[in-house]
Amino acid sequence: MRLLLLAVWECLDDAGHTPASLVRAGRVGVFLGAMWQDYQHVGADRARAGEPAAISATASVSANRLSHFLGFEGPSLAVDTSCSSSLTAFHLAVESLRRGECESAVVAAANLFTHPYHVRLLADLGLLADRLPPGPSTTARPAGRRGEGPSPPSCCAPRPPPTATGTRP
């Protein structure tokens, strides 16, 4: 949650917005694409070790915490469509803007590997490369390397107000 909040805050800052500036424009939607919510495994491991059950790792909680913390009152949802989660979240944000359900939207994606089971599953399914080239991925050399950080969120700019005829430019 902290990484997601930080990434969204940086996105707003880079776009020249604050949470308050978006709220002044009207309802702000939060659309989160999330998959691999394996932090639940961490909670289960701790519970088996006798610790209190204190970890919730559902994606909907993350979207709603973002909305609550930033003071956004608009649609707030998380979607998990596997590898297309971020694109689906973006699509839903655009549709929500078009329908007038919100005046602006924040779209984010989260896919963190937080438990060894995740890596083991991918390895056992043969979905991990035996060896990756050294260094980070680039557009010239994509590698799908684990642990390179959160996907940068998008801030859909506030919609322009309707004209005198009721249409939007």
N, C-alpha and C. Protein backbone atom coordinates (compact mmCIF):
# COMPACT_ATOMS: atom_id res chain seq x y z
N MET A 1 0.83 -1.19 0.00
CA MET A 1 0.00 0.00 0.00
C MET A 1 0.87 1.25 0.00
N ARG A 2 1.95 1.22 0.78
CA ARG A 2 2.82 2.41 0.84
C ARG A 2 3.43 2.71 -0.52
N LEU A 3 3.89 1.66 -1.23
CA LEU A 3 4.48 1.88 -2.55
C LEU A 3 3.45 2.44 -3.52
N LEU A 4 2.24 1.94 -3.46
CA LEU A 4 1.18 2.42 -4.33
C LEU A 4 0.85 3.87 -4.03
N LEU A 5 0.70 4.21 -2.77
CA LEU A 5 0.40 5.58 -2.40
C LEU A 5 1.52 6.53 -2.84
N LEU A 6 2.76 6.12 -2.64
CA LEU A 6 3.88 6.94 -3.06
C LEU A 6 3.88 7.15 -4.58
N ALA A 7 3.63 6.07 -5.32
CA ALA A 7 3.62 6.18 -6.79
C ALA A 7 2.49 7.10 -7.26
N VAL A 8 1.32 7.00 -6.66
CA VAL A 8 0.20 7.86 -7.03
C VAL A 8 0.50 9.31 -6.68
N TRP A 9 1.07 9.53 -5.50
CA TRP A 9 1.41 10.90 -5.09
C TRP A 9 2.41 11.51 -6.07
N GLU A 10 3.42 10.75 -6.46
CA GLU A 10 4.41 11.25 -7.43
C GLU A 10 3.77 11.53 -8.78
N CYS A 11 2.83 10.69 -9.19
CA CYS A 11 2.12 10.90 -10.45
C CYS A 11 1.35 12.22 -10.42
N LEU A 12 0.62 12.43 -9.34
CA LEU A 12 -0.12 13.68 -9.22
C LEU A 12 0.82 14.88 -9.24
N ASP A 13 1.92 14.78 -8.51
CA ASP A 13 2.90 15.86 -8.46
C ASP A 13 3.49 16.12 -9.84
N ASP A 14 3.86 15.07 -10.55
CA ASP A 14 4.42 15.22 -11.90
C ASP A 14 3.42 15.86 -12.86
N ALA A 15 2.12 15.60 -12.63
CA ALA A 15 1.08 16.16 -13.49
C ALA A 15 0.69 17.58 -13.07
N GLY A 16 1.31 18.08 -11.99
CA GLY A 16 0.99 19.42 -11.52
C GLY A 16 -0.29 19.49 -10.71
N HIS A 17 -0.68 18.37 -10.13
CA HIS A 17 -1.90 18.32 -9.32
C HIS A 17 -1.58 17.96 -7.89
N THR A 18 -2.53 18.26 -7.04
CA THR A 18 -2.54 17.75 -5.67
C THR A 18 -3.88 17.03 -5.52
N PRO A 19 -4.03 16.22 -4.50
CA PRO A 19 -5.36 15.63 -4.30
C PRO A 19 -6.44 16.71 -4.21
N ALA A 20 -6.13 17.80 -3.54
CA ALA A 20 -7.11 18.88 -3.38
C ALA A 20 -7.48 19.52 -4.72
N SER A 21 -6.51 19.68 -5.62
CA SER A 21 -6.83 20.30 -6.92
C SER A 21 -7.77 19.43 -7.73
N LEU A 22 -7.62 18.12 -7.64
CA LEU A 22 -8.54 17.23 -8.34
C LEU A 22 -9.92 17.24 -7.69
N VAL A 23 -9.95 17.24 -6.36
CA VAL A 23 -11.23 17.25 -5.64
C VAL A 23 -12.01 18.51 -5.97
N ARG A 24 -11.31 19.64 -6.10
CA ARG A 24 -12.00 20.90 -6.45
C ARG A 24 -12.71 20.80 -7.79
N ALA A 25 -12.18 19.97 -8.70
CA ALA A 25 -12.78 19.82 -10.02
C ALA A 25 -14.00 18.89 -9.99
N GLY A 26 -14.21 18.17 -8.89
CA GLY A 26 -15.36 17.27 -8.79
C GLY A 26 -14.94 15.88 -8.33
N ARG A 27 -15.78 14.92 -8.62
CA ARG A 27 -15.52 13.54 -8.18
C ARG A 27 -14.28 12.98 -8.86
N VAL A 28 -13.48 12.27 -8.08
CA VAL A 28 -12.25 11.66 -8.59
C VAL A 28 -12.38 10.15 -8.43
N GLY A 29 -12.22 9.43 -9.53
CA GLY A 29 -12.28 7.98 -9.50
C GLY A 29 -10.90 7.38 -9.31
N VAL A 30 -10.83 6.24 -8.66
CA VAL A 30 -9.59 5.49 -8.50
C VAL A 30 -9.82 4.12 -9.13
N PHE A 31 -8.97 3.78 -10.08
CA PHE A 31 -9.08 2.52 -10.81
C PHE A 31 -7.74 1.81 -10.72
N LEU A 32 -7.76 0.67 -10.05
CA LEU A 32 -6.52 -0.06 -9.77
C LEU A 32 -6.53 -1.40 -10.49
N GLY A 33 -5.51 -1.63 -11.29
CA GLY A 33 -5.29 -2.95 -11.88
C GLY A 33 -4.32 -3.69 -10.98
N ALA A 34 -4.72 -4.85 -10.49
CA ALA A 34 -3.86 -5.57 -9.55
C ALA A 34 -3.95 -7.07 -9.82
N MET A 35 -2.82 -7.72 -9.68
CA MET A 35 -2.80 -9.18 -9.78
C MET A 35 -1.77 -9.71 -8.81
N TRP A 36 -1.79 -10.98 -8.56
CA TRP A 36 -0.83 -11.64 -7.68
C TRP A 36 -0.84 -11.02 -6.30
N GLN A 37 -1.95 -11.11 -5.64
CA GLN A 37 -2.06 -10.56 -4.29
C GLN A 37 -1.49 -11.56 -3.28
N ASP A 38 -0.20 -11.87 -3.44
CA ASP A 38 0.40 -12.92 -2.61
C ASP A 38 0.81 -12.46 -1.23
N TYR A 39 0.56 -11.23 -0.87
CA TYR A 39 0.85 -10.82 0.50
C TYR A 39 -0.04 -11.58 1.48
N GLN A 40 -1.15 -12.11 0.98
CA GLN A 40 -2.02 -12.96 1.81
C GLN A 40 -1.25 -14.17 2.32
N HIS A 41 -0.33 -14.69 1.51
CA HIS A 41 0.48 -15.84 1.94
C HIS A 41 1.35 -15.47 3.15
N VAL A 42 1.84 -14.24 3.18
CA VAL A 42 2.63 -13.77 4.32
C VAL A 42 1.76 -13.81 5.58
N GLY A 43 0.54 -13.30 5.46
CA GLY A 43 -0.38 -13.32 6.60
C GLY A 43 -0.70 -14.73 7.05
N ALA A 44 -0.91 -15.64 6.09
CA ALA A 44 -1.20 -17.03 6.44
C ALA A 44 -0.01 -17.68 7.15
N ASP A 45 1.20 -17.41 6.65
CA ASP A 45 2.40 -17.94 7.30
C ASP A 45 2.49 -17.46 8.74
N ARG A 46 2.23 -16.18 8.95
CA ARG A 46 2.30 -15.62 10.31
C ARG A 46 1.22 -16.21 11.22
N ALA A 47 0.02 -16.41 10.67
CA ALA A 47 -1.06 -16.99 11.47
C ALA A 47 -0.72 -18.43 11.87
N ARG A 48 -0.13 -19.20 10.93
CA ARG A 48 0.28 -20.57 11.26
C ARG A 48 1.36 -20.59 12.34
N ALA A 49 2.14 -19.51 12.41
CA ALA A 49 3.19 -19.41 13.42
C ALA A 49 2.65 -18.90 14.76
N GLY A 50 1.32 -18.69 14.84
CA GLY A 50 0.72 -18.28 16.10
C GLY A 50 0.51 -16.79 16.26
N GLU A 51 0.87 -15.99 15.26
CA GLU A 51 0.67 -14.55 15.34
C GLU A 51 -0.80 -14.22 15.02
N PRO A 52 -1.29 -13.08 15.47
CA PRO A 52 -2.67 -12.71 15.16
C PRO A 52 -2.85 -12.49 13.65
N ALA A 53 -4.05 -12.78 13.17
CA ALA A 53 -4.37 -12.51 11.76
C ALA A 53 -4.56 -11.01 11.61
N ALA A 54 -3.62 -10.35 10.95
CA ALA A 54 -3.66 -8.89 10.87
C ALA A 54 -3.39 -8.36 9.46
N ILE A 55 -3.27 -9.25 8.47
CA ILE A 55 -2.93 -8.80 7.13
C ILE A 55 -4.09 -9.07 6.19
N SER A 56 -4.55 -8.03 5.52
CA SER A 56 -5.53 -8.17 4.45
C SER A 56 -4.85 -7.73 3.17
N ALA A 57 -4.95 -8.53 2.16
CA ALA A 57 -4.23 -8.21 0.94
C ALA A 57 -5.14 -8.17 -0.28
N THR A 58 -6.40 -7.85 -0.10
CA THR A 58 -7.29 -7.77 -1.25
C THR A 58 -7.06 -6.46 -1.98
N ALA A 59 -7.13 -6.52 -3.29
CA ALA A 59 -6.88 -5.34 -4.11
C ALA A 59 -7.91 -4.24 -3.86
N SER A 60 -9.15 -4.63 -3.59
CA SER A 60 -10.19 -3.62 -3.36
C SER A 60 -9.85 -2.74 -2.16
N VAL A 61 -9.22 -3.32 -1.16
CA VAL A 61 -8.82 -2.54 0.00
C VAL A 61 -7.82 -1.46 -0.41
N SER A 62 -6.90 -1.80 -1.29
CA SER A 62 -5.89 -0.82 -1.74
C SER A 62 -6.54 0.33 -2.48
N ALA A 63 -7.44 0.05 -3.41
CA ALA A 63 -8.10 1.12 -4.15
C ALA A 63 -8.90 2.01 -3.20
N ASN A 64 -9.62 1.40 -2.28
CA ASN A 64 -10.44 2.19 -1.37
C ASN A 64 -9.62 2.97 -0.35
N ARG A 65 -8.50 2.41 0.07
CA ARG A 65 -7.62 3.18 0.97
C ARG A 65 -7.05 4.39 0.25
N LEU A 66 -6.68 4.23 -1.02
CA LEU A 66 -6.20 5.38 -1.80
C LEU A 66 -7.28 6.46 -1.84
N SER A 67 -8.49 6.06 -2.19
CA SER A 67 -9.60 7.04 -2.27
C SER A 67 -9.79 7.74 -0.93
N HIS A 68 -9.82 6.96 0.14
CA HIS A 68 -10.05 7.53 1.47
C HIS A 68 -8.92 8.47 1.87
N PHE A 69 -7.68 8.01 1.73
CA PHE A 69 -6.53 8.81 2.16
C PHE A 69 -6.43 10.11 1.38
N LEU A 70 -6.71 10.06 0.08
CA LEU A 70 -6.57 11.25 -0.76
C LEU A 70 -7.84 12.10 -0.79
N GLY A 71 -8.91 11.63 -0.15
CA GLY A 71 -10.15 12.41 -0.10
C GLY A 71 -10.95 12.36 -1.39
N PHE A 72 -10.79 11.32 -2.18
CA PHE A 72 -11.50 11.21 -3.45
C PHE A 72 -12.86 10.56 -3.22
N GLU A 73 -13.88 11.16 -3.81
CA GLU A 73 -15.23 10.62 -3.71
C GLU A 73 -15.75 10.38 -5.12
N GLY A 74 -15.45 9.24 -5.63
CA GLY A 74 -15.89 8.82 -6.96
C GLY A 74 -15.78 7.32 -7.01
N PRO A 75 -15.93 6.73 -8.17
CA PRO A 75 -15.77 5.28 -8.26
C PRO A 75 -14.40 4.87 -7.72
N SER A 76 -14.35 3.77 -7.02
CA SER A 76 -13.10 3.28 -6.46
C SER A 76 -13.13 1.76 -6.57
N LEU A 77 -12.31 1.24 -7.47
CA LEU A 77 -12.38 -0.19 -7.70
C LEU A 77 -11.04 -0.76 -8.12
N ALA A 78 -10.94 -2.06 -7.94
CA ALA A 78 -9.76 -2.80 -8.37
C ALA A 78 -10.22 -3.92 -9.30
N VAL A 79 -9.43 -4.17 -10.32
CA VAL A 79 -9.73 -5.26 -11.24
C VAL A 79 -8.51 -6.16 -11.37
N ASP A 80 -8.78 -7.45 -11.54
CA ASP A 80 -7.72 -8.44 -11.76
C ASP A 80 -8.08 -9.22 -13.00
N THR A 81 -7.47 -8.84 -14.10
CA THR A 81 -7.64 -9.57 -15.36
C THR A 81 -6.29 -10.10 -15.81
N SER A 82 -5.50 -10.51 -14.84
CA SER A 82 -4.14 -11.03 -15.07
C SER A 82 -3.29 -9.97 -15.73
N CYS A 83 -2.64 -10.32 -16.81
CA CYS A 83 -1.66 -9.41 -17.42
C CYS A 83 -2.27 -8.15 -18.01
N SER A 84 -3.58 -8.13 -18.20
CA SER A 84 -4.23 -6.95 -18.77
C SER A 84 -4.90 -6.07 -17.71
N SER A 85 -4.57 -6.28 -16.45
CA SER A 85 -5.25 -5.55 -15.37
C SER A 85 -5.10 -4.04 -15.49
N SER A 86 -3.90 -3.56 -15.78
CA SER A 86 -3.71 -2.11 -15.85
C SER A 86 -4.44 -1.52 -17.05
N LEU A 87 -4.43 -2.21 -18.17
CA LEU A 87 -5.15 -1.72 -19.35
C LEU A 87 -6.66 -1.73 -19.10
N THR A 88 -7.15 -2.77 -18.44
CA THR A 88 -8.57 -2.84 -18.11
C THR A 88 -8.96 -1.72 -17.15
N ALA A 89 -8.13 -1.44 -16.16
CA ALA A 89 -8.40 -0.34 -15.23
C ALA A 89 -8.44 0.99 -15.98
N PHE A 90 -7.52 1.18 -16.91
CA PHE A 90 -7.51 2.41 -17.70
C PHE A 90 -8.79 2.52 -18.54
N HIS A 91 -9.17 1.43 -19.16
CA HIS A 91 -10.40 1.42 -19.97
C HIS A 91 -11.61 1.79 -19.11
N LEU A 92 -11.71 1.19 -17.93
CA LEU A 92 -12.83 1.48 -17.04
C LEU A 92 -12.82 2.94 -16.59
N ALA A 93 -11.64 3.51 -16.38
CA ALA A 93 -11.55 4.93 -16.00
C ALA A 93 -12.06 5.82 -17.14
N VAL A 94 -11.64 5.53 -18.35
CA VAL A 94 -12.10 6.32 -19.50
C VAL A 94 -13.61 6.22 -19.65
N GLU A 95 -14.15 5.02 -19.52
CA GLU A 95 -15.60 4.85 -19.62
C GLU A 95 -16.33 5.60 -18.51
N SER A 96 -15.78 5.58 -17.31
CA SER A 96 -16.38 6.29 -16.19
C SER A 96 -16.38 7.80 -16.44
N LEU A 97 -15.29 8.30 -16.99
CA LEU A 97 -15.21 9.73 -17.34
C LEU A 97 -16.25 10.06 -18.41
N ARG A 98 -16.35 9.23 -19.42
CA ARG A 98 -17.32 9.47 -20.50
C ARG A 98 -18.75 9.47 -20.00
N ARG A 99 -19.06 8.60 -19.05
CA ARG A 99 -20.42 8.51 -18.52
C ARG A 99 -20.71 9.59 -17.48
N GLY A 100 -19.71 10.37 -17.11
CA GLY A 100 -19.90 11.42 -16.13
C GLY A 100 -19.94 10.93 -14.69
N GLU A 101 -19.44 9.72 -14.45
CA GLU A 101 -19.41 9.19 -13.09
C GLU A 101 -18.33 9.86 -12.24
N CYS A 102 -17.35 10.46 -12.92
CA CYS A 102 -16.31 11.21 -12.23
C CYS A 102 -15.79 12.28 -13.18
N GLU A 103 -15.18 13.32 -12.60
CA GLU A 103 -14.63 14.40 -13.42
C GLU A 103 -13.16 14.20 -13.72
N SER A 104 -12.48 13.39 -12.92
CA SER A 104 -11.08 13.04 -13.17
C SER A 104 -10.86 11.65 -12.58
N ALA A 105 -9.75 11.05 -12.95
CA ALA A 105 -9.50 9.68 -12.50
C ALA A 105 -8.01 9.44 -12.32
N VAL A 106 -7.70 8.60 -11.37
CA VAL A 106 -6.34 8.12 -11.17
C VAL A 106 -6.36 6.64 -11.49
N VAL A 107 -5.43 6.23 -12.35
CA VAL A 107 -5.32 4.82 -12.73
C VAL A 107 -3.96 4.33 -12.27
N ALA A 108 -3.95 3.23 -11.57
CA ALA A 108 -2.68 2.68 -11.07
C ALA A 108 -2.68 1.17 -11.26
N ALA A 109 -1.51 0.58 -11.14
CA ALA A 109 -1.38 -0.87 -11.24
C ALA A 109 -0.41 -1.36 -10.17
N ALA A 110 -0.69 -2.55 -9.66
CA ALA A 110 0.16 -3.14 -8.64
C ALA A 110 0.37 -4.62 -8.94
N ASN A 111 1.62 -5.03 -8.91
CA ASN A 111 1.96 -6.43 -9.13
C ASN A 111 3.27 -6.68 -8.40
N LEU A 112 3.17 -6.99 -7.13
CA LEU A 112 4.37 -7.19 -6.32
C LEU A 112 4.54 -8.66 -5.98
N PHE A 113 5.77 -9.11 -5.99
CA PHE A 113 6.11 -10.46 -5.56
C PHE A 113 6.52 -10.34 -4.09
N THR A 114 5.65 -10.74 -3.19
CA THR A 114 5.92 -10.55 -1.77
C THR A 114 6.06 -11.84 -1.00
N HIS A 115 6.01 -12.97 -1.70
CA HIS A 115 6.12 -14.26 -1.03
C HIS A 115 6.84 -15.24 -1.96
N PRO A 116 7.69 -16.10 -1.43
CA PRO A 116 8.44 -17.03 -2.28
C PRO A 116 7.54 -17.99 -3.07
N TYR A 117 6.33 -18.23 -2.62
CA TYR A 117 5.43 -19.11 -3.36
C TYR A 117 5.20 -18.61 -4.78
N HIS A 118 5.11 -17.31 -4.94
CA HIS A 118 4.87 -16.70 -6.24
C HIS A 118 5.98 -17.09 -7.22
N VAL A 119 7.20 -16.92 -6.81
CA VAL A 119 8.34 -17.24 -7.67
C VAL A 119 8.38 -18.75 -7.94
N ARG A 120 8.12 -19.53 -6.90
CA ARG A 120 8.13 -20.99 -7.06
C ARG A 120 7.07 -21.44 -8.06
N LEU A 121 5.88 -20.85 -7.98
CA LEU A 121 4.81 -21.19 -8.91
C LEU A 121 5.22 -20.89 -10.34
N LEU A 122 5.72 -19.69 -10.56
CA LEU A 122 6.14 -19.32 -11.92
C LEU A 122 7.25 -20.22 -12.43
N ALA A 123 8.20 -20.55 -11.56
CA ALA A 123 9.30 -21.44 -11.95
C ALA A 123 8.79 -22.84 -12.28
N ASP A 124 7.91 -23.37 -11.43
CA ASP A 124 7.39 -24.72 -11.65
C ASP A 124 6.53 -24.81 -12.91
N LEU A 125 5.92 -23.70 -13.29
CA LEU A 125 5.13 -23.67 -14.52
C LEU A 125 5.99 -23.41 -15.76
N GLY A 126 7.31 -23.20 -15.54
CA GLY A 126 8.21 -22.92 -16.66
C GLY A 126 8.06 -21.53 -17.23
N LEU A 127 7.61 -20.59 -16.41
CA LEU A 127 7.35 -19.23 -16.90
C LEU A 127 8.48 -18.25 -16.60
N LEU A 128 9.57 -18.72 -16.00
CA LEU A 128 10.71 -17.84 -15.73
C LEU A 128 11.88 -18.25 -16.61
N ALA A 129 12.58 -17.26 -17.09
CA ALA A 129 13.77 -17.53 -17.89
C ALA A 129 14.86 -18.10 -17.00
N ASP A 130 15.67 -18.99 -17.57
CA ASP A 130 16.80 -19.53 -16.81
C ASP A 130 17.80 -18.44 -16.48
N ARG A 131 17.97 -17.52 -17.43
CA ARG A 131 18.97 -16.46 -17.26
C ARG A 131 18.49 -15.23 -17.99
N LEU A 132 18.60 -14.08 -17.35
CA LEU A 132 18.26 -12.81 -17.98
C LEU A 132 19.53 -12.01 -18.22
N PRO A 133 19.52 -11.16 -19.23
CA PRO A 133 20.69 -10.31 -19.43
C PRO A 133 20.91 -9.42 -18.22
N PRO A 134 22.16 -9.06 -17.93
CA PRO A 134 22.41 -8.21 -16.76
C PRO A 134 21.83 -6.82 -16.96
N GLY A 135 21.51 -6.17 -15.83
CA GLY A 135 21.01 -4.80 -15.88
C GLY A 135 19.51 -4.74 -15.99
N PRO A 136 18.96 -3.54 -15.83
CA PRO A 136 17.51 -3.38 -15.86
C PRO A 136 16.97 -3.50 -17.29
N SER A 137 15.68 -3.75 -17.38
CA SER A 137 15.01 -3.79 -18.67
C SER A 137 14.97 -2.38 -19.25
N THR A 138 14.98 -2.30 -20.54
CA THR A 138 14.81 -1.03 -21.24
C THR A 138 13.86 -1.27 -22.40
N THR A 139 13.44 -0.19 -23.06
CA THR A 139 12.57 -0.38 -24.22
C THR A 139 13.33 -1.09 -25.34
N ALA A 140 14.64 -0.91 -25.39
CA ALA A 140 15.44 -1.58 -26.40
C ALA A 140 15.69 -3.04 -26.03
N ARG A 141 15.62 -3.37 -24.74
CA ARG A 141 15.91 -4.73 -24.29
C ARG A 141 14.95 -5.11 -23.17
N PRO A 142 13.68 -5.36 -23.53
CA PRO A 142 12.74 -5.75 -22.48
C PRO A 142 13.07 -7.14 -21.94
N ALA A 143 12.94 -7.31 -20.64
CA ALA A 143 13.27 -8.60 -20.06
C ALA A 143 12.25 -9.08 -19.05
N GLY A 144 11.32 -8.25 -18.64
CA GLY A 144 10.33 -8.68 -17.66
C GLY A 144 10.96 -9.09 -16.35
N ARG A 145 11.96 -8.38 -15.93
CA ARG A 145 12.70 -8.69 -14.71
C ARG A 145 11.85 -8.43 -13.48
N ARG A 146 11.93 -9.33 -12.49
CA ARG A 146 11.17 -9.15 -11.25
C ARG A 146 11.77 -8.03 -10.41
N GLY A 147 10.92 -7.35 -9.66
CA GLY A 147 11.38 -6.41 -8.66
C GLY A 147 11.86 -5.08 -9.18
N GLU A 148 11.41 -4.66 -10.35
CA GLU A 148 11.86 -3.37 -10.87
C GLU A 148 10.99 -2.21 -10.42
N GLY A 149 10.05 -2.43 -9.53
CA GLY A 149 9.26 -1.34 -8.97
C GLY A 149 7.85 -1.31 -9.49
N PRO A 150 7.02 -0.44 -8.91
CA PRO A 150 5.61 -0.37 -9.31
C PRO A 150 5.46 0.26 -10.68
N SER A 151 4.38 -0.09 -11.35
CA SER A 151 4.07 0.55 -12.63
C SER A 151 3.67 1.99 -12.35
N PRO A 152 4.13 2.92 -13.19
CA PRO A 152 3.75 4.31 -12.93
C PRO A 152 2.26 4.52 -13.16
N PRO A 153 1.58 5.16 -12.21
CA PRO A 153 0.15 5.43 -12.39
C PRO A 153 -0.08 6.49 -13.45
N SER A 154 -1.31 6.61 -13.89
CA SER A 154 -1.72 7.65 -14.81
C SER A 154 -2.72 8.54 -14.10
N CYS A 155 -2.70 9.79 -14.45
CA CYS A 155 -3.69 10.72 -13.93
C CYS A 155 -4.46 11.23 -15.12
N CYS A 156 -5.71 10.82 -15.24
CA CYS A 156 -6.56 11.30 -16.32
C CYS A 156 -7.02 12.70 -15.94
N ALA A 157 -6.69 13.66 -16.78
CA ALA A 157 -6.98 15.06 -16.47
C ALA A 157 -8.46 15.30 -16.30
N PRO A 158 -8.80 16.29 -15.50
CA PRO A 158 -10.22 16.63 -15.33
C PRO A 158 -10.88 16.90 -16.68
N ARG A 159 -12.13 16.49 -16.80
CA ARG A 159 -12.87 16.74 -18.03
C ARG A 159 -13.19 18.22 -18.11
N PRO A 160 -13.19 18.78 -19.32
CA PRO A 160 -13.60 20.18 -19.44
C PRO A 160 -15.08 20.31 -19.12
N PRO A 161 -15.48 21.45 -18.54
CA PRO A 161 -16.90 21.63 -18.21
C PRO A 161 -17.75 21.70 -19.49
N PRO A 162 -19.03 21.38 -19.37
CA PRO A 162 -19.91 21.49 -20.55
C PRO A 162 -20.00 22.92 -21.04
N THR A 163 -20.19 23.06 -22.32
CA THR A 163 -20.40 24.39 -22.90
C THR A 163 -21.83 24.82 -22.62
N ALA A 164 -22.19 26.01 -23.08
CA ALA A 164 -23.55 26.52 -22.85
C ALA A 164 -24.60 25.61 -23.48
N THR A 165 -24.23 24.87 -24.51
CA THR A 165 -25.19 23.97 -25.16
C THR A 165 -25.24 22.60 -24.48
N GLY A 166 -24.42 22.42 -23.44
CA GLY A 166 -24.43 21.17 -22.70
C GLY A 166 -23.48 20.12 -23.23
N THR A 167 -22.74 20.45 -24.29
CA THR A 167 -21.79 19.49 -24.85
C THR A 167 -20.40 19.77 -24.32
N ARG A 168 -19.55 18.79 -24.41
CA ARG A 168 -18.17 18.95 -23.98
C ARG A 168 -17.29 19.13 -25.21
N PRO A 169 -16.30 20.03 -25.15
CA PRO A 169 -15.42 20.23 -26.31
C PRO A 169 -14.62 18.98 -26.62
